[in-house]
Structure formats: C-alpha cells, structure tokens
Amino acid sequence: MAEEVLKSRLANFLVPGGLWVGGKVVITPSGIRMSANAMNRAVPGGVLDVEVPIATIRKVTLEGGFITRIVSLETDNGYVYFRCFGAKAMAGLITKLYVAHTLKRAG
C-alpha cells in the first residue's frame, strides 16, 4: 500500500552536484521525496531523485527567491533545497511533521 500523500507540488530542486532540476516534490508523513521530470531524465546525469526522511531533518527555513521562494532543509546529511509556488505552505507542513516527530522521539 502506498503511503498517504499530504501535499504535492511541481518544483525545482537542487541535486547533489549543484544542478537545479524540474520535477515534483511530495510530502508524506515519513518524509519528502523529490523526483525529476521526464525532460530532466532524458539528459544523462547523476542523482535525479532525492529522499529526505522526516527523522533526519534538523531545521526548516524559507528563503527569498525570484518569483518563487526556496525551502531549505537542514538534515543530518547536509542541506536540501527546493523552490515552488506555495513554498510557505510546504515549509509549514514540513515543520509540523518535523516538530511532531521530534516530540514523539523525546516523549
């Protein structure tokens, strides 16, 4: 059975190596999944999908940007960035999930 999708948006995200790719960001109760679209997959490249478990997130911030804002996730393994319309709502939802997970782990 597939995990419940809480929110999904078309977005651009930064993959390892410094390339911004277009695709989709999906938020589920256990994490954030970013997957590249078909156009980006047509060009041979490195990693085009990024998964961030909620348990690895340490901080969520919303940064400025041109037209769309950027969501920055500080994780145990470094930083992950994505930009989309509705970035504020996406950052808010990720923050709620991260805080709930932290409280569950502490309590």
N, C-alpha and C. Protein backbone atom coordinates (compact mmCIF):
# COMPACT_ATOMS: atom_id res chain seq x y z
N MET A 1 0.84 -1.18 0.00
CA MET A 1 0.00 0.00 0.00
C MET A 1 0.88 1.24 0.00
N ALA A 2 0.54 2.20 -0.83
CA ALA A 2 1.32 3.43 -0.93
C ALA A 2 1.05 4.33 0.28
N GLU A 3 2.08 5.07 0.65
CA GLU A 3 1.95 5.99 1.78
C GLU A 3 1.09 7.20 1.39
N GLU A 4 0.36 7.72 2.35
CA GLU A 4 -0.51 8.87 2.13
C GLU A 4 0.30 10.09 1.69
N VAL A 5 -0.15 10.76 0.65
CA VAL A 5 0.47 12.00 0.17
C VAL A 5 -0.24 13.16 0.86
N LEU A 6 0.51 13.93 1.64
CA LEU A 6 -0.07 15.07 2.35
C LEU A 6 -0.12 16.31 1.47
N LYS A 7 0.90 16.50 0.65
CA LYS A 7 0.94 17.67 -0.24
C LYS A 7 1.94 17.36 -1.35
N SER A 8 1.64 17.87 -2.53
CA SER A 8 2.49 17.64 -3.69
C SER A 8 2.52 18.91 -4.54
N ARG A 9 3.67 19.24 -5.09
CA ARG A 9 3.81 20.44 -5.94
C ARG A 9 4.84 20.17 -7.03
N LEU A 10 4.61 20.81 -8.18
CA LEU A 10 5.66 20.87 -9.19
C LEU A 10 6.71 21.81 -8.63
N ALA A 11 7.97 21.47 -8.80
CA ALA A 11 9.03 22.26 -8.18
C ALA A 11 10.35 22.09 -8.92
N ASN A 12 11.28 22.91 -8.54
CA ASN A 12 12.68 22.75 -8.93
C ASN A 12 13.44 22.44 -7.65
N PHE A 13 14.39 21.53 -7.74
CA PHE A 13 15.17 21.21 -6.55
C PHE A 13 16.63 21.02 -6.92
N LEU A 14 17.48 21.21 -5.95
CA LEU A 14 18.93 21.13 -6.14
C LEU A 14 19.39 19.72 -5.87
N VAL A 15 19.99 19.09 -6.87
CA VAL A 15 20.52 17.73 -6.70
C VAL A 15 22.00 17.82 -6.36
N PRO A 16 22.56 16.74 -5.78
CA PRO A 16 24.00 16.74 -5.50
C PRO A 16 24.79 17.08 -6.77
N GLY A 17 25.72 17.96 -6.64
CA GLY A 17 26.50 18.41 -7.79
C GLY A 17 26.14 19.82 -8.21
N GLY A 18 25.07 20.38 -7.61
CA GLY A 18 24.74 21.78 -7.84
C GLY A 18 23.82 22.08 -9.01
N LEU A 19 23.09 21.09 -9.52
CA LEU A 19 22.20 21.30 -10.65
C LEU A 19 20.75 21.40 -10.16
N TRP A 20 20.06 22.47 -10.59
CA TRP A 20 18.63 22.59 -10.30
C TRP A 20 17.88 21.82 -11.37
N VAL A 21 16.99 20.93 -10.97
CA VAL A 21 16.19 20.16 -11.92
C VAL A 21 14.71 20.37 -11.65
N GLY A 22 13.92 20.26 -12.69
CA GLY A 22 12.48 20.37 -12.55
C GLY A 22 11.88 19.02 -12.24
N GLY A 23 10.81 19.03 -11.50
CA GLY A 23 10.15 17.78 -11.16
C GLY A 23 9.03 18.00 -10.19
N LYS A 24 8.93 17.11 -9.24
CA LYS A 24 7.84 17.11 -8.29
C LYS A 24 8.36 16.87 -6.88
N VAL A 25 7.79 17.59 -5.92
CA VAL A 25 8.08 17.38 -4.50
C VAL A 25 6.82 16.82 -3.87
N VAL A 26 6.98 15.72 -3.16
CA VAL A 26 5.86 15.05 -2.50
C VAL A 26 6.17 14.94 -1.01
N ILE A 27 5.24 15.38 -0.18
CA ILE A 27 5.40 15.27 1.27
C ILE A 27 4.47 14.17 1.77
N THR A 28 5.05 13.22 2.51
CA THR A 28 4.29 12.14 3.14
C THR A 28 4.57 12.21 4.65
N PRO A 29 3.84 11.47 5.46
CA PRO A 29 4.11 11.50 6.90
C PRO A 29 5.53 11.10 7.29
N SER A 30 6.19 10.31 6.45
CA SER A 30 7.54 9.86 6.81
C SER A 30 8.67 10.63 6.15
N GLY A 31 8.36 11.46 5.14
CA GLY A 31 9.45 12.18 4.50
C GLY A 31 9.05 13.00 3.29
N ILE A 32 10.09 13.55 2.66
CA ILE A 32 9.92 14.39 1.48
C ILE A 32 10.63 13.67 0.33
N ARG A 33 9.95 13.54 -0.80
CA ARG A 33 10.52 12.87 -1.96
C ARG A 33 10.51 13.86 -3.11
N MET A 34 11.66 14.02 -3.75
CA MET A 34 11.78 14.90 -4.91
C MET A 34 12.22 14.04 -6.09
N SER A 35 11.44 14.10 -7.17
CA SER A 35 11.79 13.30 -8.33
C SER A 35 11.77 14.16 -9.59
N ALA A 36 12.75 13.94 -10.43
CA ALA A 36 12.91 14.72 -11.66
C ALA A 36 11.85 14.36 -12.68
N ASN A 37 11.52 15.33 -13.53
CA ASN A 37 10.55 15.08 -14.61
C ASN A 37 11.24 14.38 -15.78
N ALA A 38 10.44 13.97 -16.77
CA ALA A 38 10.95 13.20 -17.91
C ALA A 38 11.99 13.97 -18.71
N MET A 39 11.81 15.28 -18.86
CA MET A 39 12.76 16.07 -19.64
C MET A 39 14.15 16.02 -19.00
N ASN A 40 14.21 16.14 -17.67
CA ASN A 40 15.50 16.08 -16.99
C ASN A 40 16.09 14.68 -17.03
N ARG A 41 15.25 13.66 -17.02
CA ARG A 41 15.75 12.29 -17.09
C ARG A 41 16.31 11.95 -18.47
N ALA A 42 15.88 12.69 -19.51
CA ALA A 42 16.35 12.43 -20.87
C ALA A 42 17.83 12.78 -21.04
N VAL A 43 18.32 13.67 -20.21
CA VAL A 43 19.72 14.08 -20.26
C VAL A 43 20.49 13.24 -19.25
N PRO A 44 21.50 12.48 -19.73
CA PRO A 44 22.25 11.64 -18.79
C PRO A 44 22.86 12.50 -17.69
N GLY A 45 22.75 12.02 -16.49
CA GLY A 45 23.27 12.79 -15.36
C GLY A 45 23.43 11.90 -14.15
N GLY A 46 23.68 12.50 -13.04
CA GLY A 46 23.87 11.78 -11.80
C GLY A 46 22.55 11.53 -11.09
N VAL A 47 22.55 11.79 -9.82
CA VAL A 47 21.38 11.58 -8.98
C VAL A 47 20.29 12.56 -9.37
N LEU A 48 19.09 12.05 -9.67
CA LEU A 48 17.98 12.93 -10.05
C LEU A 48 16.80 12.81 -9.11
N ASP A 49 16.91 11.98 -8.11
CA ASP A 49 15.86 11.84 -7.11
C ASP A 49 16.48 12.01 -5.74
N VAL A 50 15.74 12.69 -4.86
CA VAL A 50 16.23 12.96 -3.51
C VAL A 50 15.13 12.56 -2.53
N GLU A 51 15.48 11.81 -1.51
CA GLU A 51 14.54 11.46 -0.44
C GLU A 51 15.09 11.95 0.88
N VAL A 52 14.24 12.59 1.66
CA VAL A 52 14.64 13.12 2.96
C VAL A 52 13.67 12.58 4.02
N PRO A 53 14.10 11.62 4.83
CA PRO A 53 13.23 11.14 5.91
C PRO A 53 13.01 12.25 6.94
N ILE A 54 11.79 12.35 7.47
CA ILE A 54 11.49 13.37 8.48
C ILE A 54 12.46 13.26 9.65
N ALA A 55 12.86 12.05 10.01
CA ALA A 55 13.75 11.83 11.15
C ALA A 55 15.11 12.50 10.99
N THR A 56 15.52 12.81 9.75
CA THR A 56 16.84 13.41 9.54
C THR A 56 16.82 14.93 9.50
N ILE A 57 15.62 15.52 9.50
CA ILE A 57 15.52 16.98 9.41
C ILE A 57 15.83 17.63 10.75
N ARG A 58 16.67 18.67 10.71
CA ARG A 58 17.06 19.40 11.92
C ARG A 58 16.49 20.82 11.94
N LYS A 59 16.25 21.39 10.74
CA LYS A 59 15.76 22.77 10.67
C LYS A 59 15.12 23.01 9.31
N VAL A 60 14.03 23.77 9.31
CA VAL A 60 13.34 24.14 8.07
C VAL A 60 13.31 25.65 8.00
N THR A 61 13.77 26.22 6.88
CA THR A 61 13.72 27.67 6.71
C THR A 61 13.16 28.00 5.33
N LEU A 62 12.59 29.18 5.24
CA LEU A 62 12.05 29.69 3.99
C LEU A 62 12.92 30.86 3.57
N GLU A 63 13.52 30.76 2.39
CA GLU A 63 14.43 31.79 1.90
C GLU A 63 13.77 32.55 0.75
N GLY A 64 14.26 33.74 0.53
CA GLY A 64 13.75 34.54 -0.58
C GLY A 64 14.14 33.95 -1.91
N GLY A 65 13.53 34.44 -2.93
CA GLY A 65 13.84 33.96 -4.26
C GLY A 65 13.13 34.83 -5.28
N PHE A 66 13.46 34.65 -6.53
CA PHE A 66 12.84 35.42 -7.60
C PHE A 66 11.60 34.65 -8.07
N ILE A 67 10.46 35.21 -7.96
CA ILE A 67 9.15 34.66 -8.30
C ILE A 67 8.69 33.62 -7.26
N THR A 68 9.47 32.57 -7.03
CA THR A 68 9.10 31.58 -6.01
C THR A 68 10.13 31.60 -4.89
N ARG A 69 9.70 31.21 -3.70
CA ARG A 69 10.61 31.16 -2.56
C ARG A 69 11.25 29.78 -2.47
N ILE A 70 12.32 29.70 -1.70
CA ILE A 70 13.09 28.47 -1.57
C ILE A 70 12.91 27.90 -0.17
N VAL A 71 12.61 26.60 -0.11
CA VAL A 71 12.54 25.88 1.16
C VAL A 71 13.90 25.23 1.37
N SER A 72 14.51 25.49 2.51
CA SER A 72 15.81 24.93 2.86
C SER A 72 15.61 23.95 4.01
N LEU A 73 16.08 22.73 3.82
CA LEU A 73 16.00 21.71 4.86
C LEU A 73 17.41 21.38 5.32
N GLU A 74 17.69 21.65 6.59
CA GLU A 74 18.97 21.24 7.16
C GLU A 74 18.76 19.83 7.69
N THR A 75 19.56 18.89 7.21
CA THR A 75 19.41 17.49 7.60
C THR A 75 20.70 16.96 8.22
N ASP A 76 20.64 15.75 8.70
CA ASP A 76 21.84 15.10 9.24
C ASP A 76 22.93 14.96 8.17
N ASN A 77 22.52 14.96 6.90
CA ASN A 77 23.46 14.74 5.79
C ASN A 77 23.77 15.99 4.99
N GLY A 78 23.38 17.16 5.48
CA GLY A 78 23.63 18.40 4.76
C GLY A 78 22.34 19.14 4.47
N TYR A 79 22.38 19.99 3.47
CA TYR A 79 21.22 20.82 3.13
C TYR A 79 20.55 20.32 1.86
N VAL A 80 19.23 20.48 1.82
CA VAL A 80 18.42 20.15 0.65
C VAL A 80 17.56 21.38 0.36
N TYR A 81 17.49 21.76 -0.92
CA TYR A 81 16.74 22.95 -1.31
C TYR A 81 15.73 22.61 -2.41
N PHE A 82 14.55 23.22 -2.31
CA PHE A 82 13.61 23.17 -3.42
C PHE A 82 12.83 24.47 -3.46
N ARG A 83 12.33 24.81 -4.64
CA ARG A 83 11.55 26.04 -4.83
C ARG A 83 10.28 25.70 -5.59
N CYS A 84 9.19 26.33 -5.18
CA CYS A 84 7.90 26.09 -5.83
C CYS A 84 6.92 27.18 -5.45
N PHE A 85 5.81 27.24 -6.18
CA PHE A 85 4.72 28.10 -5.76
C PHE A 85 4.11 27.44 -4.53
N GLY A 86 3.72 28.22 -3.55
CA GLY A 86 3.19 27.67 -2.31
C GLY A 86 4.28 27.17 -1.37
N ALA A 87 5.48 27.70 -1.53
CA ALA A 87 6.62 27.26 -0.71
C ALA A 87 6.37 27.48 0.79
N LYS A 88 5.69 28.55 1.13
CA LYS A 88 5.42 28.84 2.54
C LYS A 88 4.57 27.74 3.17
N ALA A 89 3.54 27.30 2.47
CA ALA A 89 2.69 26.22 2.98
C ALA A 89 3.46 24.91 3.05
N MET A 90 4.31 24.65 2.08
CA MET A 90 5.12 23.42 2.09
C MET A 90 6.07 23.44 3.28
N ALA A 91 6.73 24.57 3.51
CA ALA A 91 7.65 24.68 4.66
C ALA A 91 6.89 24.52 5.97
N GLY A 92 5.70 25.09 6.05
CA GLY A 92 4.89 24.97 7.26
C GLY A 92 4.51 23.53 7.56
N LEU A 93 4.10 22.79 6.53
CA LEU A 93 3.74 21.39 6.72
C LEU A 93 4.94 20.55 7.13
N ILE A 94 6.08 20.77 6.49
CA ILE A 94 7.29 20.03 6.85
C ILE A 94 7.69 20.35 8.29
N THR A 95 7.56 21.61 8.69
CA THR A 95 7.87 22.00 10.06
C THR A 95 6.97 21.27 11.05
N LYS A 96 5.67 21.20 10.77
CA LYS A 96 4.74 20.48 11.65
C LYS A 96 5.13 19.01 11.78
N LEU A 97 5.48 18.38 10.67
CA LEU A 97 5.88 16.96 10.70
C LEU A 97 7.17 16.78 11.49
N TYR A 98 8.13 17.67 11.26
CA TYR A 98 9.41 17.60 11.95
C TYR A 98 9.24 17.79 13.46
N VAL A 99 8.43 18.78 13.87
CA VAL A 99 8.20 19.05 15.30
C VAL A 99 7.47 17.86 15.94
N ALA A 100 6.45 17.33 15.27
CA ALA A 100 5.71 16.18 15.81
C ALA A 100 6.64 14.98 15.98
N HIS A 101 7.51 14.75 15.02
CA HIS A 101 8.44 13.63 15.11
C HIS A 101 9.44 13.85 16.27
N THR A 102 9.92 15.08 16.41
CA THR A 102 10.86 15.40 17.49
C THR A 102 10.21 15.20 18.86
N LEU A 103 8.97 15.64 19.00
CA LEU A 103 8.25 15.49 20.28
C LEU A 103 7.99 14.02 20.58
N LYS A 104 7.65 13.26 19.56
CA LYS A 104 7.41 11.82 19.76
C LYS A 104 8.68 11.12 20.20
N ARG A 105 9.80 11.50 19.59
CA ARG A 105 11.10 10.89 19.92
C ARG A 105 11.52 11.27 21.34
N ALA A 106 11.22 12.50 21.77
CA ALA A 106 11.62 12.97 23.10
C ALA A 106 10.70 12.44 24.20
N GLY A 107 9.46 12.16 23.86
CA GLY A 107 8.48 11.80 24.88
C GLY A 107 8.25 10.36 24.95
